[in-house]
Amino acid sequence: LQSVSQIEIGSQPIGPAILAAAVGQD
């Protein structure tokens, strides 16, 4: 989707990766 930021977590540990991505992108 062109209008939003999409981030692939891939094989990263889910919980920490989700929090880091959301907080890092404000």
mmCIF file of all heavy atoms, coordinates in Angstrom:
data_MODEL
# 
_entry.id   MODEL 
# 
loop_
_atom_site.group_PDB 
_atom_site.id 
_atom_site.type_symbol 
_atom_site.label_atom_id 
_atom_site.label_alt_id 
_atom_site.label_comp_id 
_atom_site.label_asym_id 
_atom_site.label_entity_id 
_atom_site.label_seq_id 
_atom_site.pdbx_PDB_ins_code 
_atom_site.Cartn_x 
_atom_site.Cartn_y 
_atom_site.Cartn_z 
_atom_site.occupancy 
_atom_site.B_iso_or_equiv 
_atom_site.pdbx_formal_charge 
_atom_site.auth_seq_id 
_atom_site.auth_comp_id 
_atom_site.auth_asym_id 
_atom_site.auth_atom_id 
_atom_site.pdbx_PDB_model_num 
ATOM 1   N N   . LEU A 1 1  ? 0.853  -1.182  0.000  1.00 0.00 ? 1  LEU A N   1 
ATOM 2   C CA  . LEU A 1 1  ? 0.000  0.000   0.000  1.00 0.00 ? 1  LEU A CA  1 
ATOM 3   C C   . LEU A 1 1  ? 0.888  1.230   0.000  1.00 0.00 ? 1  LEU A C   1 
ATOM 4   O O   . LEU A 1 1  ? 1.842  1.319   0.769  1.00 0.00 ? 1  LEU A O   1 
ATOM 5   C CB  . LEU A 1 1  ? -0.916 -0.006  1.229  1.00 0.00 ? 1  LEU A CB  1 
ATOM 6   C CG  . LEU A 1 1  ? -1.783 -1.259  1.423  1.00 0.00 ? 1  LEU A CG  1 
ATOM 7   C CD1 . LEU A 1 1  ? -2.650 -1.109  2.664  1.00 0.00 ? 1  LEU A CD1 1 
ATOM 8   C CD2 . LEU A 1 1  ? -2.657 -1.509  0.206  1.00 0.00 ? 1  LEU A CD2 1 
ATOM 9   N N   . GLN A 1 2  ? 0.567  2.175   -0.844 1.00 0.00 ? 2  GLN A N   1 
ATOM 10  C CA  . GLN A 1 2  ? 1.440  3.329   -1.018 1.00 0.00 ? 2  GLN A CA  1 
ATOM 11  C C   . GLN A 1 2  ? 1.264  4.388   0.075  1.00 0.00 ? 2  GLN A C   1 
ATOM 12  O O   . GLN A 1 2  ? 2.150  5.196   0.305  1.00 0.00 ? 2  GLN A O   1 
ATOM 13  C CB  . GLN A 1 2  ? 1.185  3.967   -2.393 1.00 0.00 ? 2  GLN A CB  1 
ATOM 14  C CG  . GLN A 1 2  ? 1.427  3.024   -3.555 1.00 0.00 ? 2  GLN A CG  1 
ATOM 15  C CD  . GLN A 1 2  ? 2.834  2.440   -3.557 1.00 0.00 ? 2  GLN A CD  1 
ATOM 16  O OE1 . GLN A 1 2  ? 3.801  3.132   -3.244 1.00 0.00 ? 2  GLN A OE1 1 
ATOM 17  N NE2 . GLN A 1 2  ? 2.950  1.166   -3.895 1.00 0.00 ? 2  GLN A NE2 1 
ATOM 18  N N   . SER A 1 3  ? 0.106  4.397   0.749  1.00 0.00 ? 3  SER A N   1 
ATOM 19  C CA  . SER A 1 3  ? -0.198 5.513   1.643  1.00 0.00 ? 3  SER A CA  1 
ATOM 20  C C   . SER A 1 3  ? 0.282  5.309   3.076  1.00 0.00 ? 3  SER A C   1 
ATOM 21  O O   . SER A 1 3  ? 0.204  6.229   3.894  1.00 0.00 ? 3  SER A O   1 
ATOM 22  C CB  . SER A 1 3  ? -1.704 5.763   1.661  1.00 0.00 ? 3  SER A CB  1 
ATOM 23  O OG  . SER A 1 3  ? -2.394 4.627   2.142  1.00 0.00 ? 3  SER A OG  1 
ATOM 24  N N   . VAL A 1 4  ? 0.750  4.092   3.429  1.00 0.00 ? 4  VAL A N   1 
ATOM 25  C CA  . VAL A 1 4  ? 1.177  3.837   4.806  1.00 0.00 ? 4  VAL A CA  1 
ATOM 26  C C   . VAL A 1 4  ? 2.571  3.206   4.805  1.00 0.00 ? 4  VAL A C   1 
ATOM 27  O O   . VAL A 1 4  ? 3.059  2.742   3.771  1.00 0.00 ? 4  VAL A O   1 
ATOM 28  C CB  . VAL A 1 4  ? 0.187  2.899   5.542  1.00 0.00 ? 4  VAL A CB  1 
ATOM 29  C CG1 . VAL A 1 4  ? -1.188 3.517   5.610  1.00 0.00 ? 4  VAL A CG1 1 
ATOM 30  C CG2 . VAL A 1 4  ? 0.123  1.537   4.862  1.00 0.00 ? 4  VAL A CG2 1 
ATOM 31  N N   . SER A 1 5  ? 3.195  3.178   5.983  1.00 0.00 ? 5  SER A N   1 
ATOM 32  C CA  . SER A 1 5  ? 4.510  2.556   6.129  1.00 0.00 ? 5  SER A CA  1 
ATOM 33  C C   . SER A 1 5  ? 4.324  1.087   6.520  1.00 0.00 ? 5  SER A C   1 
ATOM 34  O O   . SER A 1 5  ? 3.720  0.791   7.544  1.00 0.00 ? 5  SER A O   1 
ATOM 35  C CB  . SER A 1 5  ? 5.327  3.285   7.201  1.00 0.00 ? 5  SER A CB  1 
ATOM 36  O OG  . SER A 1 5  ? 5.537  4.634   6.843  1.00 0.00 ? 5  SER A OG  1 
ATOM 37  N N   . GLN A 1 6  ? 4.831  0.180   5.698  1.00 0.00 ? 6  GLN A N   1 
ATOM 38  C CA  . GLN A 1 6  ? 4.732  -1.250  5.971  1.00 0.00 ? 6  GLN A CA  1 
ATOM 39  C C   . GLN A 1 6  ? 6.115  -1.782  6.319  1.00 0.00 ? 6  GLN A C   1 
ATOM 40  O O   . GLN A 1 6  ? 7.085  -1.546  5.601  1.00 0.00 ? 6  GLN A O   1 
ATOM 41  C CB  . GLN A 1 6  ? 4.154  -1.985  4.757  1.00 0.00 ? 6  GLN A CB  1 
ATOM 42  C CG  . GLN A 1 6  ? 2.696  -1.640  4.487  1.00 0.00 ? 6  GLN A CG  1 
ATOM 43  C CD  . GLN A 1 6  ? 2.206  -2.215  3.173  1.00 0.00 ? 6  GLN A CD  1 
ATOM 44  O OE1 . GLN A 1 6  ? 2.417  -1.634  2.125  1.00 0.00 ? 6  GLN A OE1 1 
ATOM 45  N NE2 . GLN A 1 6  ? 1.537  -3.359  3.237  1.00 0.00 ? 6  GLN A NE2 1 
ATOM 46  N N   . ILE A 1 7  ? 6.188  -2.515  7.420  1.00 0.00 ? 7  ILE A N   1 
ATOM 47  C CA  . ILE A 1 7  ? 7.463  -3.041  7.910  1.00 0.00 ? 7  ILE A CA  1 
ATOM 48  C C   . ILE A 1 7  ? 7.363  -4.549  8.033  1.00 0.00 ? 7  ILE A C   1 
ATOM 49  O O   . ILE A 1 7  ? 6.442  -5.075  8.664  1.00 0.00 ? 7  ILE A O   1 
ATOM 50  C CB  . ILE A 1 7  ? 7.823  -2.424  9.276  1.00 0.00 ? 7  ILE A CB  1 
ATOM 51  C CG1 . ILE A 1 7  ? 7.964  -0.902  9.151  1.00 0.00 ? 7  ILE A CG1 1 
ATOM 52  C CG2 . ILE A 1 7  ? 9.112  -3.035  9.828  1.00 0.00 ? 7  ILE A CG2 1 
ATOM 53  C CD1 . ILE A 1 7  ? 8.185  -0.201  10.476 1.00 0.00 ? 7  ILE A CD1 1 
ATOM 54  N N   . GLU A 1 8  ? 8.309  -5.257  7.403  1.00 0.00 ? 8  GLU A N   1 
ATOM 55  C CA  . GLU A 1 8  ? 8.370  -6.709  7.515  1.00 0.00 ? 8  GLU A CA  1 
ATOM 56  C C   . GLU A 1 8  ? 9.194  -7.082  8.741  1.00 0.00 ? 8  GLU A C   1 
ATOM 57  O O   . GLU A 1 8  ? 10.346 -6.678  8.862  1.00 0.00 ? 8  GLU A O   1 
ATOM 58  C CB  . GLU A 1 8  ? 8.989  -7.334  6.262  1.00 0.00 ? 8  GLU A CB  1 
ATOM 59  C CG  . GLU A 1 8  ? 8.037  -7.439  5.089  1.00 0.00 ? 8  GLU A CG  1 
ATOM 60  C CD  . GLU A 1 8  ? 8.589  -8.302  3.956  1.00 0.00 ? 8  GLU A CD  1 
ATOM 61  O OE1 . GLU A 1 8  ? 9.808  -8.567  3.958  1.00 0.00 ? 8  GLU A OE1 1 
ATOM 62  O OE2 . GLU A 1 8  ? 7.808  -8.692  3.103  1.00 0.00 ? 8  GLU A OE2 1 
ATOM 63  N N   . ILE A 1 9  ? 8.574  -7.872  9.627  1.00 0.00 ? 9  ILE A N   1 
ATOM 64  C CA  . ILE A 1 9  ? 9.282  -8.331  10.823 1.00 0.00 ? 9  ILE A CA  1 
ATOM 65  C C   . ILE A 1 9  ? 10.189 -9.501  10.488 1.00 0.00 ? 9  ILE A C   1 
ATOM 66  O O   . ILE A 1 9  ? 11.261 -9.675  11.073 1.00 0.00 ? 9  ILE A O   1 
ATOM 67  C CB  . ILE A 1 9  ? 8.270  -8.716  11.922 1.00 0.00 ? 9  ILE A CB  1 
ATOM 68  C CG1 . ILE A 1 9  ? 7.425  -7.503  12.313 1.00 0.00 ? 9  ILE A CG1 1 
ATOM 69  C CG2 . ILE A 1 9  ? 8.986  -9.289  13.132 1.00 0.00 ? 9  ILE A CG2 1 
ATOM 70  C CD1 . ILE A 1 9  ? 8.218  -6.333  12.847 1.00 0.00 ? 9  ILE A CD1 1 
ATOM 71  N N   . GLY A 1 10 ? 9.770  -10.329 9.531  1.00 0.00 ? 10 GLY A N   1 
ATOM 72  C CA  . GLY A 1 10 ? 10.581 -11.472 9.129  1.00 0.00 ? 10 GLY A CA  1 
ATOM 73  C C   . GLY A 1 10 ? 10.771 -12.445 10.274 1.00 0.00 ? 10 GLY A C   1 
ATOM 74  O O   . GLY A 1 10 ? 9.834  -12.797 10.984 1.00 0.00 ? 10 GLY A O   1 
ATOM 75  N N   . SER A 1 11 ? 12.014 -12.854 10.515 1.00 0.00 ? 11 SER A N   1 
ATOM 76  C CA  . SER A 1 11 ? 12.306 -13.848 11.558 1.00 0.00 ? 11 SER A CA  1 
ATOM 77  C C   . SER A 1 11 ? 12.749 -13.213 12.877 1.00 0.00 ? 11 SER A C   1 
ATOM 78  O O   . SER A 1 11 ? 13.204 -13.909 13.780 1.00 0.00 ? 11 SER A O   1 
ATOM 79  C CB  . SER A 1 11 ? 13.392 -14.806 11.062 1.00 0.00 ? 11 SER A CB  1 
ATOM 80  O OG  . SER A 1 11 ? 14.569 -14.086 10.732 1.00 0.00 ? 11 SER A OG  1 
ATOM 81  N N   . GLN A 1 12 ? 12.620 -11.892 13.007 1.00 0.00 ? 12 GLN A N   1 
ATOM 82  C CA  . GLN A 1 12 ? 13.013 -11.235 14.257 1.00 0.00 ? 12 GLN A CA  1 
ATOM 83  C C   . GLN A 1 12 ? 12.097 -11.664 15.405 1.00 0.00 ? 12 GLN A C   1 
ATOM 84  O O   . GLN A 1 12 ? 10.950 -12.052 15.180 1.00 0.00 ? 12 GLN A O   1 
ATOM 85  C CB  . GLN A 1 12 ? 12.911 -9.712  14.108 1.00 0.00 ? 12 GLN A CB  1 
ATOM 86  C CG  . GLN A 1 12 ? 13.749 -9.104  13.012 1.00 0.00 ? 12 GLN A CG  1 
ATOM 87  C CD  . GLN A 1 12 ? 13.533 -7.603  12.940 1.00 0.00 ? 12 GLN A CD  1 
ATOM 88  O OE1 . GLN A 1 12 ? 13.796 -6.877  13.891 1.00 0.00 ? 12 GLN A OE1 1 
ATOM 89  N NE2 . GLN A 1 12 ? 13.030 -7.135  11.810 1.00 0.00 ? 12 GLN A NE2 1 
ATOM 90  N N   . PRO A 1 13 ? 12.565 -11.585 16.657 1.00 0.00 ? 13 PRO A N   1 
ATOM 91  C CA  . PRO A 1 13 ? 11.684 -11.833 17.806 1.00 0.00 ? 13 PRO A CA  1 
ATOM 92  C C   . PRO A 1 13 ? 10.509 -10.857 17.757 1.00 0.00 ? 13 PRO A C   1 
ATOM 93  O O   . PRO A 1 13 ? 10.712 -9.628  17.698 1.00 0.00 ? 13 PRO A O   1 
ATOM 94  C CB  . PRO A 1 13 ? 12.595 -11.564 19.010 1.00 0.00 ? 13 PRO A CB  1 
ATOM 95  C CG  . PRO A 1 13 ? 13.978 -11.783 18.486 1.00 0.00 ? 13 PRO A CG  1 
ATOM 96  C CD  . PRO A 1 13 ? 13.953 -11.333 17.060 1.00 0.00 ? 13 PRO A CD  1 
ATOM 97  N N   . ILE A 1 14 ? 9.298  -11.381 17.768 1.00 0.00 ? 14 ILE A N   1 
ATOM 98  C CA  . ILE A 1 14 ? 8.130  -10.573 17.415 1.00 0.00 ? 14 ILE A CA  1 
ATOM 99  C C   . ILE A 1 14 ? 7.888  -9.425  18.379 1.00 0.00 ? 14 ILE A C   1 
ATOM 100 O O   . ILE A 1 14 ? 7.765  -8.263  17.964 1.00 0.00 ? 14 ILE A O   1 
ATOM 101 C CB  . ILE A 1 14 ? 6.884  -11.473 17.319 1.00 0.00 ? 14 ILE A CB  1 
ATOM 102 C CG1 . ILE A 1 14 ? 7.034  -12.429 16.136 1.00 0.00 ? 14 ILE A CG1 1 
ATOM 103 C CG2 . ILE A 1 14 ? 5.626  -10.629 17.136 1.00 0.00 ? 14 ILE A CG2 1 
ATOM 104 C CD1 . ILE A 1 14 ? 5.898  -13.421 16.002 1.00 0.00 ? 14 ILE A CD1 1 
ATOM 105 N N   . GLY A 1 15 ? 7.782  -9.719  19.685 1.00 0.00 ? 15 GLY A N   1 
ATOM 106 C CA  . GLY A 1 15 ? 7.422  -8.684  20.645 1.00 0.00 ? 15 GLY A CA  1 
ATOM 107 C C   . GLY A 1 15 ? 8.336  -7.473  20.610 1.00 0.00 ? 15 GLY A C   1 
ATOM 108 O O   . GLY A 1 15 ? 7.889  -6.341  20.377 1.00 0.00 ? 15 GLY A O   1 
ATOM 109 N N   . PRO A 1 16 ? 9.648  -7.642  20.816 1.00 0.00 ? 16 PRO A N   1 
ATOM 110 C CA  . PRO A 1 16 ? 10.562 -6.504  20.792 1.00 0.00 ? 16 PRO A CA  1 
ATOM 111 C C   . PRO A 1 16 ? 10.576 -5.779  19.446 1.00 0.00 ? 16 PRO A C   1 
ATOM 112 O O   . PRO A 1 16 ? 10.662 -4.549  19.392 1.00 0.00 ? 16 PRO A O   1 
ATOM 113 C CB  . PRO A 1 16 ? 11.927 -7.131  21.089 1.00 0.00 ? 16 PRO A CB  1 
ATOM 114 C CG  . PRO A 1 16 ? 11.605 -8.392  21.825 1.00 0.00 ? 16 PRO A CG  1 
ATOM 115 C CD  . PRO A 1 16 ? 10.326 -8.885  21.233 1.00 0.00 ? 16 PRO A CD  1 
ATOM 116 N N   . ALA A 1 17 ? 10.485 -6.535  18.348 1.00 0.00 ? 17 ALA A N   1 
ATOM 117 C CA  . ALA A 1 17 ? 10.521 -5.915  17.018 1.00 0.00 ? 17 ALA A CA  1 
ATOM 118 C C   . ALA A 1 17 ? 9.304  -5.034  16.791 1.00 0.00 ? 17 ALA A C   1 
ATOM 119 O O   . ALA A 1 17 ? 9.399  -3.953  16.204 1.00 0.00 ? 17 ALA A O   1 
ATOM 120 C CB  . ALA A 1 17 ? 10.602 -6.992  15.937 1.00 0.00 ? 17 ALA A CB  1 
ATOM 121 N N   . ILE A 1 18 ? 8.128  -5.498  17.255 1.00 0.00 ? 18 ILE A N   1 
ATOM 122 C CA  . ILE A 1 18 ? 6.901  -4.717  17.095 1.00 0.00 ? 18 ILE A CA  1 
ATOM 123 C C   . ILE A 1 18 ? 7.004  -3.410  17.864 1.00 0.00 ? 18 ILE A C   1 
ATOM 124 O O   . ILE A 1 18 ? 6.734  -2.324  17.337 1.00 0.00 ? 18 ILE A O   1 
ATOM 125 C CB  . ILE A 1 18 ? 5.684  -5.528  17.574 1.00 0.00 ? 18 ILE A CB  1 
ATOM 126 C CG1 . ILE A 1 18 ? 5.376  -6.651  16.581 1.00 0.00 ? 18 ILE A CG1 1 
ATOM 127 C CG2 . ILE A 1 18 ? 4.465  -4.635  17.748 1.00 0.00 ? 18 ILE A CG2 1 
ATOM 128 C CD1 . ILE A 1 18 ? 4.267  -7.580  17.043 1.00 0.00 ? 18 ILE A CD1 1 
ATOM 129 N N   . LEU A 1 19 ? 7.394  -3.486  19.120 1.00 0.00 ? 19 LEU A N   1 
ATOM 130 C CA  . LEU A 1 19 ? 7.492  -2.282  19.944 1.00 0.00 ? 19 LEU A CA  1 
ATOM 131 C C   . LEU A 1 19 ? 8.519  -1.305  19.385 1.00 0.00 ? 19 LEU A C   1 
ATOM 132 O O   . LEU A 1 19 ? 8.273  -0.096  19.286 1.00 0.00 ? 19 LEU A O   1 
ATOM 133 C CB  . LEU A 1 19 ? 7.858  -2.658  21.380 1.00 0.00 ? 19 LEU A CB  1 
ATOM 134 C CG  . LEU A 1 19 ? 6.718  -3.138  22.273 1.00 0.00 ? 19 LEU A CG  1 
ATOM 135 C CD1 . LEU A 1 19 ? 7.270  -3.644  23.602 1.00 0.00 ? 19 LEU A CD1 1 
ATOM 136 C CD2 . LEU A 1 19 ? 5.710  -2.022  22.518 1.00 0.00 ? 19 LEU A CD2 1 
ATOM 137 N N   . ALA A 1 20 ? 9.675  -1.814  18.981 1.00 0.00 ? 20 ALA A N   1 
ATOM 138 C CA  . ALA A 1 20 ? 10.739 -0.952  18.471 1.00 0.00 ? 20 ALA A CA  1 
ATOM 139 C C   . ALA A 1 20 ? 10.306 -0.236  17.196 1.00 0.00 ? 20 ALA A C   1 
ATOM 140 O O   . ALA A 1 20 ? 10.555 0.962   17.019 1.00 0.00 ? 20 ALA A O   1 
ATOM 141 C CB  . ALA A 1 20 ? 11.997 -1.782  18.212 1.00 0.00 ? 20 ALA A CB  1 
ATOM 142 N N   . ALA A 1 21 ? 9.621  -0.981  16.292 1.00 0.00 ? 21 ALA A N   1 
ATOM 143 C CA  . ALA A 1 21 ? 9.197  -0.389  15.027 1.00 0.00 ? 21 ALA A CA  1 
ATOM 144 C C   . ALA A 1 21 ? 8.145  0.686   15.244 1.00 0.00 ? 21 ALA A C   1 
ATOM 145 O O   . ALA A 1 21 ? 8.215  1.772   14.655 1.00 0.00 ? 21 ALA A O   1 
ATOM 146 C CB  . ALA A 1 21 ? 8.658  -1.467  14.100 1.00 0.00 ? 21 ALA A CB  1 
ATOM 147 N N   . ALA A 1 22 ? 7.158  0.400   16.111 1.00 0.00 ? 22 ALA A N   1 
ATOM 148 C CA  . ALA A 1 22 ? 6.077  1.354   16.338 1.00 0.00 ? 22 ALA A CA  1 
ATOM 149 C C   . ALA A 1 22 ? 6.576  2.612   17.033 1.00 0.00 ? 22 ALA A C   1 
ATOM 150 O O   . ALA A 1 22 ? 6.242  3.745   16.650 1.00 0.00 ? 22 ALA A O   1 
ATOM 151 C CB  . ALA A 1 22 ? 4.975  0.702   17.164 1.00 0.00 ? 22 ALA A CB  1 
ATOM 152 N N   . VAL A 1 23 ? 7.407  2.439   18.059 1.00 0.00 ? 23 VAL A N   1 
ATOM 153 C CA  . VAL A 1 23 ? 7.924  3.598   18.800 1.00 0.00 ? 23 VAL A CA  1 
ATOM 154 C C   . VAL A 1 23 ? 8.894  4.394   17.930 1.00 0.00 ? 23 VAL A C   1 
ATOM 155 O O   . VAL A 1 23 ? 8.871  5.631   17.902 1.00 0.00 ? 23 VAL A O   1 
ATOM 156 C CB  . VAL A 1 23 ? 8.614  3.140   20.105 1.00 0.00 ? 23 VAL A CB  1 
ATOM 157 C CG1 . VAL A 1 23 ? 9.296  4.309   20.786 1.00 0.00 ? 23 VAL A CG1 1 
ATOM 158 C CG2 . VAL A 1 23 ? 7.591  2.502   21.041 1.00 0.00 ? 23 VAL A CG2 1 
ATOM 159 N N   . GLY A 1 24 ? 9.728  3.679   17.168 1.00 0.00 ? 24 GLY A N   1 
ATOM 160 C CA  . GLY A 1 24 ? 10.711 4.347   16.330 1.00 0.00 ? 24 GLY A CA  1 
ATOM 161 C C   . GLY A 1 24 ? 10.080 5.185   15.234 1.00 0.00 ? 24 GLY A C   1 
ATOM 162 O O   . GLY A 1 24 ? 10.657 6.184   14.794 1.00 0.00 ? 24 GLY A O   1 
ATOM 163 N N   . GLN A 1 25 ? 8.886  4.786   14.774 1.00 0.00 ? 25 GLN A N   1 
ATOM 164 C CA  . GLN A 1 25 ? 8.202  5.522   13.719 1.00 0.00 ? 25 GLN A CA  1 
ATOM 165 C C   . GLN A 1 25 ? 7.210  6.548   14.268 1.00 0.00 ? 25 GLN A C   1 
ATOM 166 O O   . GLN A 1 25 ? 6.447  7.133   13.497 1.00 0.00 ? 25 GLN A O   1 
ATOM 167 C CB  . GLN A 1 25 ? 7.463  4.539   12.801 1.00 0.00 ? 25 GLN A CB  1 
ATOM 168 C CG  . GLN A 1 25 ? 8.375  3.639   11.987 1.00 0.00 ? 25 GLN A CG  1 
ATOM 169 C CD  . GLN A 1 25 ? 9.254  4.432   11.048 1.00 0.00 ? 25 GLN A CD  1 
ATOM 170 O OE1 . GLN A 1 25 ? 8.807  5.347   10.379 1.00 0.00 ? 25 GLN A OE1 1 
ATOM 171 N NE2 . GLN A 1 25 ? 10.537 4.082   11.008 1.00 0.00 ? 25 GLN A NE2 1 
ATOM 172 N N   . ASP A 1 26 ? 7.187  6.745   15.589 1.00 0.00 ? 26 ASP A N   1 
ATOM 173 C CA  . ASP A 1 26 ? 6.269  7.701   16.206 1.00 0.00 ? 26 ASP A CA  1 
ATOM 174 C C   . ASP A 1 26 ? 4.839  7.444   15.730 1.00 0.00 ? 26 ASP A C   1 
ATOM 175 O O   . ASP A 1 26 ? 4.121  8.352   15.296 1.00 0.00 ? 26 ASP A O   1 
ATOM 176 C CB  . ASP A 1 26 ? 6.706  9.129   15.872 1.00 0.00 ? 26 ASP A CB  1 
ATOM 177 C CG  . ASP A 1 26 ? 5.908  10.175  16.662 1.00 0.00 ? 26 ASP A CG  1 
ATOM 178 O OD1 . ASP A 1 26 ? 5.408  9.842   17.750 1.00 0.00 ? 26 ASP A OD1 1 
ATOM 179 O OD2 . ASP A 1 26 ? 5.769  11.313  16.163 1.00 0.00 ? 26 ASP A OD2 1 
# 
